[in-house]
Amino acid sequence: MAIMITDECINCGACEPECPNNAIYEGGIEWAISDGTTVQGEYILEGGKTTDVDDKHDPVSDDYYYIVPDKCTECVGFHEEPQCAAVCPVDCCVPDPERRESEDVLTARKERLHL
């Protein structure tokens, strides 16, 4: 499953530089698949929608840091545990119960994001 940031976030920003997929953004900031990845061309998002990797998308949250589910791999292939959760001082980086994903799915996403 992807990791999510709850509304208990204090906006400290400790999580953002730890993400190997650049999936974490400050609240209110638009995101793109190409940010911090090596993907080029088009990318199929969760739900089947195709986007150009450089297209900007609306923020998931305007108020606090957020994680883009389409870019989160729970650090599979990089670290033993999600680094955002490891460094969060208020434990607000938690598994997203709406997005239960197997390690195979997370590994495949990592491979698509980092050619």
N, C-alpha and C. Protein backbone atom coordinates (compact mmCIF):
# COMPACT_ATOMS: atom_id res chain seq x y z
N MET A 1 0.83 -1.18 0.00
CA MET A 1 0.00 0.00 0.00
C MET A 1 0.87 1.24 0.00
N ALA A 2 0.36 2.30 -0.53
CA ALA A 2 1.07 3.56 -0.51
C ALA A 2 1.02 4.13 0.90
N ILE A 3 1.92 5.03 1.16
CA ILE A 3 1.95 5.74 2.44
C ILE A 3 1.18 7.05 2.24
N MET A 4 0.51 7.50 3.28
CA MET A 4 -0.18 8.78 3.24
C MET A 4 0.27 9.62 4.44
N ILE A 5 0.08 10.92 4.33
CA ILE A 5 0.39 11.83 5.43
C ILE A 5 -0.95 12.32 5.98
N THR A 6 -1.14 12.13 7.26
CA THR A 6 -2.40 12.52 7.89
C THR A 6 -2.43 14.02 8.17
N ASP A 7 -3.60 14.50 8.56
CA ASP A 7 -3.75 15.92 8.85
C ASP A 7 -3.09 16.33 10.17
N GLU A 8 -2.43 15.39 10.83
CA GLU A 8 -1.65 15.72 12.02
C GLU A 8 -0.27 16.27 11.66
N CYS A 9 0.04 16.33 10.35
CA CYS A 9 1.33 16.83 9.86
C CYS A 9 1.57 18.25 10.39
N ILE A 10 2.80 18.49 10.88
CA ILE A 10 3.16 19.81 11.39
C ILE A 10 3.95 20.62 10.36
N ASN A 11 4.02 20.12 9.13
CA ASN A 11 4.71 20.80 8.03
C ASN A 11 6.18 21.07 8.31
N CYS A 12 6.84 20.11 8.96
CA CYS A 12 8.26 20.30 9.26
C CYS A 12 9.14 20.04 8.04
N GLY A 13 8.66 19.23 7.09
CA GLY A 13 9.41 18.96 5.87
C GLY A 13 10.48 17.90 5.99
N ALA A 14 10.57 17.22 7.12
CA ALA A 14 11.62 16.20 7.31
C ALA A 14 11.49 15.05 6.32
N CYS A 15 10.28 14.74 5.91
CA CYS A 15 10.03 13.60 5.04
C CYS A 15 10.44 13.84 3.59
N GLU A 16 10.25 15.04 3.11
CA GLU A 16 10.42 15.34 1.68
C GLU A 16 11.77 14.92 1.11
N PRO A 17 12.89 15.29 1.71
CA PRO A 17 14.18 14.91 1.11
C PRO A 17 14.51 13.42 1.25
N GLU A 18 13.78 12.70 2.07
CA GLU A 18 14.06 11.28 2.29
C GLU A 18 13.47 10.38 1.22
N CYS A 19 12.51 10.87 0.45
CA CYS A 19 11.80 10.04 -0.52
C CYS A 19 12.63 9.79 -1.78
N PRO A 20 12.94 8.53 -2.08
CA PRO A 20 13.74 8.22 -3.26
C PRO A 20 12.98 8.40 -4.58
N ASN A 21 11.67 8.57 -4.51
CA ASN A 21 10.84 8.74 -5.71
C ASN A 21 10.36 10.17 -5.90
N ASN A 22 10.75 11.06 -5.01
CA ASN A 22 10.29 12.44 -5.03
C ASN A 22 8.76 12.48 -5.07
N ALA A 23 8.14 11.64 -4.24
CA ALA A 23 6.68 11.53 -4.19
C ALA A 23 6.05 12.44 -3.16
N ILE A 24 6.87 13.14 -2.38
CA ILE A 24 6.36 13.97 -1.29
C ILE A 24 6.50 15.44 -1.68
N TYR A 25 5.39 16.16 -1.50
CA TYR A 25 5.34 17.57 -1.88
C TYR A 25 4.77 18.40 -0.74
N GLU A 26 5.21 19.64 -0.68
CA GLU A 26 4.65 20.58 0.28
C GLU A 26 3.21 20.90 -0.13
N GLY A 27 2.35 21.09 0.84
CA GLY A 27 0.95 21.40 0.55
C GLY A 27 0.82 22.57 -0.41
N GLY A 28 -0.09 22.42 -1.39
CA GLY A 28 -0.34 23.48 -2.35
C GLY A 28 0.54 23.47 -3.58
N ILE A 29 1.56 22.61 -3.60
CA ILE A 29 2.48 22.54 -4.73
C ILE A 29 2.00 21.50 -5.73
N GLU A 30 1.98 21.87 -7.02
CA GLU A 30 1.61 20.91 -8.06
C GLU A 30 2.71 19.86 -8.19
N TRP A 31 2.34 18.68 -8.70
CA TRP A 31 3.28 17.59 -8.85
C TRP A 31 3.28 17.07 -10.29
N ALA A 32 4.39 16.40 -10.65
CA ALA A 32 4.51 15.75 -11.96
C ALA A 32 5.23 14.42 -11.76
N ILE A 33 4.90 13.45 -12.58
CA ILE A 33 5.57 12.14 -12.52
C ILE A 33 7.07 12.31 -12.74
N SER A 34 7.48 13.22 -13.61
CA SER A 34 8.90 13.38 -13.95
C SER A 34 9.74 13.96 -12.82
N ASP A 35 9.13 14.58 -11.83
CA ASP A 35 9.89 15.16 -10.72
C ASP A 35 10.69 14.07 -10.01
N GLY A 36 12.00 14.11 -10.13
CA GLY A 36 12.86 13.18 -9.41
C GLY A 36 12.88 11.76 -9.94
N THR A 37 12.35 11.55 -11.15
CA THR A 37 12.38 10.21 -11.75
C THR A 37 13.06 10.29 -13.11
N THR A 38 13.23 9.15 -13.74
CA THR A 38 13.85 9.13 -15.07
C THR A 38 12.84 8.79 -16.17
N VAL A 39 11.57 8.82 -15.84
CA VAL A 39 10.51 8.49 -16.79
C VAL A 39 10.43 9.57 -17.87
N GLN A 40 10.17 9.14 -19.09
CA GLN A 40 9.99 10.06 -20.21
C GLN A 40 8.73 9.67 -20.96
N GLY A 41 8.15 10.64 -21.65
CA GLY A 41 6.98 10.35 -22.48
C GLY A 41 5.69 10.34 -21.70
N GLU A 42 4.93 9.26 -21.86
CA GLU A 42 3.65 9.14 -21.18
C GLU A 42 3.73 8.11 -20.07
N TYR A 43 2.82 8.25 -19.10
CA TYR A 43 2.79 7.37 -17.94
C TYR A 43 1.33 7.09 -17.63
N ILE A 44 1.02 5.85 -17.29
CA ILE A 44 -0.35 5.49 -16.94
C ILE A 44 -0.50 5.59 -15.43
N LEU A 45 -1.40 6.48 -15.02
CA LEU A 45 -1.66 6.71 -13.60
C LEU A 45 -2.60 5.65 -13.05
N GLU A 46 -2.66 5.59 -11.71
CA GLU A 46 -3.62 4.73 -11.03
C GLU A 46 -5.01 5.04 -11.59
N GLY A 47 -5.74 4.02 -11.93
CA GLY A 47 -7.07 4.23 -12.50
C GLY A 47 -7.08 4.22 -14.01
N GLY A 48 -5.88 4.13 -14.63
CA GLY A 48 -5.81 3.98 -16.08
C GLY A 48 -5.66 5.25 -16.88
N LYS A 49 -5.68 6.41 -16.26
CA LYS A 49 -5.52 7.66 -17.00
C LYS A 49 -4.08 7.82 -17.46
N THR A 50 -3.89 8.23 -18.71
CA THR A 50 -2.55 8.46 -19.25
C THR A 50 -2.22 9.94 -19.16
N THR A 51 -0.99 10.24 -18.76
CA THR A 51 -0.55 11.62 -18.65
C THR A 51 0.87 11.73 -19.21
N ASP A 52 1.20 12.90 -19.70
CA ASP A 52 2.59 13.17 -20.05
C ASP A 52 3.34 13.32 -18.73
N VAL A 53 4.54 12.79 -18.65
CA VAL A 53 5.25 12.80 -17.37
C VAL A 53 5.57 14.21 -16.86
N ASP A 54 5.60 15.18 -17.75
CA ASP A 54 5.89 16.55 -17.33
C ASP A 54 4.64 17.36 -16.99
N ASP A 55 3.45 16.80 -17.24
CA ASP A 55 2.22 17.52 -16.91
C ASP A 55 2.13 17.76 -15.41
N LYS A 56 1.71 18.95 -15.05
CA LYS A 56 1.52 19.30 -13.64
C LYS A 56 0.12 18.91 -13.22
N HIS A 57 0.00 18.35 -12.01
CA HIS A 57 -1.27 17.91 -11.46
C HIS A 57 -1.58 18.68 -10.19
N ASP A 58 -2.86 18.80 -9.89
CA ASP A 58 -3.29 19.51 -8.69
C ASP A 58 -2.73 18.84 -7.44
N PRO A 59 -2.43 19.64 -6.43
CA PRO A 59 -1.94 19.08 -5.16
C PRO A 59 -2.98 18.16 -4.53
N VAL A 60 -2.50 17.14 -3.86
CA VAL A 60 -3.38 16.24 -3.11
C VAL A 60 -3.89 16.97 -1.86
N SER A 61 -3.08 17.87 -1.32
CA SER A 61 -3.45 18.66 -0.15
C SER A 61 -2.95 20.09 -0.32
N ASP A 62 -3.73 21.03 0.12
CA ASP A 62 -3.29 22.42 0.10
C ASP A 62 -2.73 22.85 1.45
N ASP A 63 -3.00 22.07 2.50
CA ASP A 63 -2.69 22.50 3.85
C ASP A 63 -1.43 21.90 4.47
N TYR A 64 -1.06 20.69 4.06
CA TYR A 64 0.11 20.03 4.64
C TYR A 64 0.77 19.15 3.60
N TYR A 65 1.98 18.69 3.93
CA TYR A 65 2.72 17.84 3.01
C TYR A 65 1.86 16.64 2.61
N TYR A 66 2.08 16.15 1.39
CA TYR A 66 1.31 15.01 0.91
C TYR A 66 2.20 14.10 0.07
N ILE A 67 1.74 12.87 -0.11
CA ILE A 67 2.45 11.87 -0.91
C ILE A 67 1.58 11.54 -2.12
N VAL A 68 2.19 11.56 -3.30
CA VAL A 68 1.49 11.18 -4.53
C VAL A 68 1.47 9.65 -4.60
N PRO A 69 0.29 9.04 -4.50
CA PRO A 69 0.21 7.58 -4.51
C PRO A 69 0.82 6.94 -5.76
N ASP A 70 0.69 7.61 -6.91
CA ASP A 70 1.24 7.08 -8.16
C ASP A 70 2.77 7.03 -8.16
N LYS A 71 3.40 7.68 -7.21
CA LYS A 71 4.87 7.68 -7.15
C LYS A 71 5.41 6.96 -5.92
N CYS A 72 4.55 6.63 -4.97
CA CYS A 72 5.00 5.99 -3.72
C CYS A 72 5.23 4.50 -3.92
N THR A 73 6.41 4.05 -3.50
CA THR A 73 6.74 2.62 -3.53
C THR A 73 7.02 2.09 -2.14
N GLU A 74 6.70 2.87 -1.11
CA GLU A 74 7.02 2.52 0.28
C GLU A 74 8.51 2.24 0.44
N CYS A 75 9.31 2.83 -0.43
CA CYS A 75 10.77 2.68 -0.44
C CYS A 75 11.24 1.27 -0.82
N VAL A 76 10.32 0.44 -1.34
CA VAL A 76 10.69 -0.90 -1.81
C VAL A 76 11.76 -0.76 -2.90
N GLY A 77 12.81 -1.54 -2.76
CA GLY A 77 13.91 -1.47 -3.71
C GLY A 77 14.97 -0.45 -3.35
N PHE A 78 14.70 0.35 -2.32
CA PHE A 78 15.65 1.36 -1.87
C PHE A 78 16.06 1.16 -0.42
N HIS A 79 15.08 0.95 0.45
CA HIS A 79 15.31 0.85 1.89
C HIS A 79 14.44 -0.25 2.49
N GLU A 80 14.74 -0.63 3.70
CA GLU A 80 13.99 -1.68 4.38
C GLU A 80 12.63 -1.22 4.88
N GLU A 81 12.47 0.09 5.08
CA GLU A 81 11.21 0.64 5.57
C GLU A 81 10.98 2.00 4.92
N PRO A 82 9.73 2.46 4.88
CA PRO A 82 9.45 3.78 4.33
C PRO A 82 10.21 4.86 5.11
N GLN A 83 11.03 5.60 4.41
CA GLN A 83 11.87 6.59 5.07
C GLN A 83 11.08 7.78 5.61
N CYS A 84 9.98 8.12 4.96
CA CYS A 84 9.17 9.23 5.47
C CYS A 84 8.67 8.91 6.88
N ALA A 85 8.20 7.68 7.07
CA ALA A 85 7.69 7.26 8.38
C ALA A 85 8.82 7.20 9.41
N ALA A 86 10.00 6.79 8.96
CA ALA A 86 11.13 6.66 9.87
C ALA A 86 11.59 8.01 10.44
N VAL A 87 11.45 9.09 9.65
CA VAL A 87 11.94 10.39 10.11
C VAL A 87 10.85 11.32 10.63
N CYS A 88 9.59 10.94 10.47
CA CYS A 88 8.50 11.83 10.88
C CYS A 88 8.45 11.97 12.40
N PRO A 89 8.56 13.21 12.90
CA PRO A 89 8.57 13.40 14.36
C PRO A 89 7.20 13.23 15.03
N VAL A 90 6.12 13.24 14.23
CA VAL A 90 4.78 13.11 14.82
C VAL A 90 4.05 11.86 14.33
N ASP A 91 4.76 10.96 13.67
CA ASP A 91 4.20 9.69 13.20
C ASP A 91 2.94 9.86 12.37
N CYS A 92 2.96 10.81 11.43
CA CYS A 92 1.78 11.01 10.58
C CYS A 92 1.95 10.42 9.19
N CYS A 93 3.06 9.75 8.91
CA CYS A 93 3.25 9.03 7.65
C CYS A 93 2.87 7.58 7.92
N VAL A 94 1.68 7.21 7.44
CA VAL A 94 1.11 5.91 7.78
C VAL A 94 0.64 5.20 6.51
N PRO A 95 0.47 3.87 6.58
CA PRO A 95 -0.07 3.15 5.41
C PRO A 95 -1.47 3.65 5.06
N ASP A 96 -1.72 3.82 3.78
CA ASP A 96 -3.01 4.29 3.30
C ASP A 96 -3.95 3.10 3.16
N PRO A 97 -4.98 3.01 4.00
CA PRO A 97 -5.88 1.85 3.94
C PRO A 97 -6.67 1.76 2.64
N GLU A 98 -6.72 2.85 1.87
CA GLU A 98 -7.44 2.86 0.60
C GLU A 98 -6.60 2.29 -0.54
N ARG A 99 -5.30 2.08 -0.30
CA ARG A 99 -4.40 1.65 -1.37
C ARG A 99 -3.51 0.50 -0.90
N ARG A 100 -4.10 -0.64 -0.74
CA ARG A 100 -3.33 -1.83 -0.35
C ARG A 100 -2.66 -2.41 -1.58
N GLU A 101 -1.33 -2.46 -1.56
CA GLU A 101 -0.57 -2.93 -2.72
C GLU A 101 0.46 -3.95 -2.27
N SER A 102 0.68 -4.95 -3.09
CA SER A 102 1.66 -5.99 -2.78
C SER A 102 3.07 -5.47 -3.06
N GLU A 103 4.04 -6.18 -2.54
CA GLU A 103 5.43 -5.82 -2.80
C GLU A 103 5.74 -5.91 -4.29
N ASP A 104 5.12 -6.84 -4.99
CA ASP A 104 5.31 -6.97 -6.44
C ASP A 104 4.82 -5.72 -7.16
N VAL A 105 3.68 -5.19 -6.76
CA VAL A 105 3.14 -3.98 -7.38
C VAL A 105 4.07 -2.80 -7.09
N LEU A 106 4.54 -2.68 -5.86
CA LEU A 106 5.43 -1.59 -5.49
C LEU A 106 6.76 -1.69 -6.23
N THR A 107 7.28 -2.90 -6.39
CA THR A 107 8.53 -3.11 -7.13
C THR A 107 8.35 -2.73 -8.60
N ALA A 108 7.24 -3.14 -9.18
CA ALA A 108 6.96 -2.80 -10.58
C ALA A 108 6.88 -1.28 -10.77
N ARG A 109 6.26 -0.58 -9.82
CA ARG A 109 6.17 0.88 -9.89
C ARG A 109 7.56 1.49 -9.81
N LYS A 110 8.39 0.97 -8.92
CA LYS A 110 9.76 1.47 -8.80
C LYS A 110 10.49 1.32 -10.12
N GLU A 111 10.32 0.17 -10.77
CA GLU A 111 10.99 -0.08 -12.05
C GLU A 111 10.47 0.87 -13.15
N ARG A 112 9.18 1.20 -13.12
CA ARG A 112 8.64 2.13 -14.12
C ARG A 112 9.11 3.55 -13.89
N LEU A 113 9.30 3.92 -12.63
CA LEU A 113 9.71 5.30 -12.31
C LEU A 113 11.20 5.54 -12.52
N HIS A 114 11.99 4.48 -12.41
CA HIS A 114 13.45 4.61 -12.50
C HIS A 114 13.97 3.64 -13.54
N LEU A 115 13.94 4.07 -14.81
CA LEU A 115 14.35 3.23 -15.93
C LEU A 115 15.83 2.89 -15.88
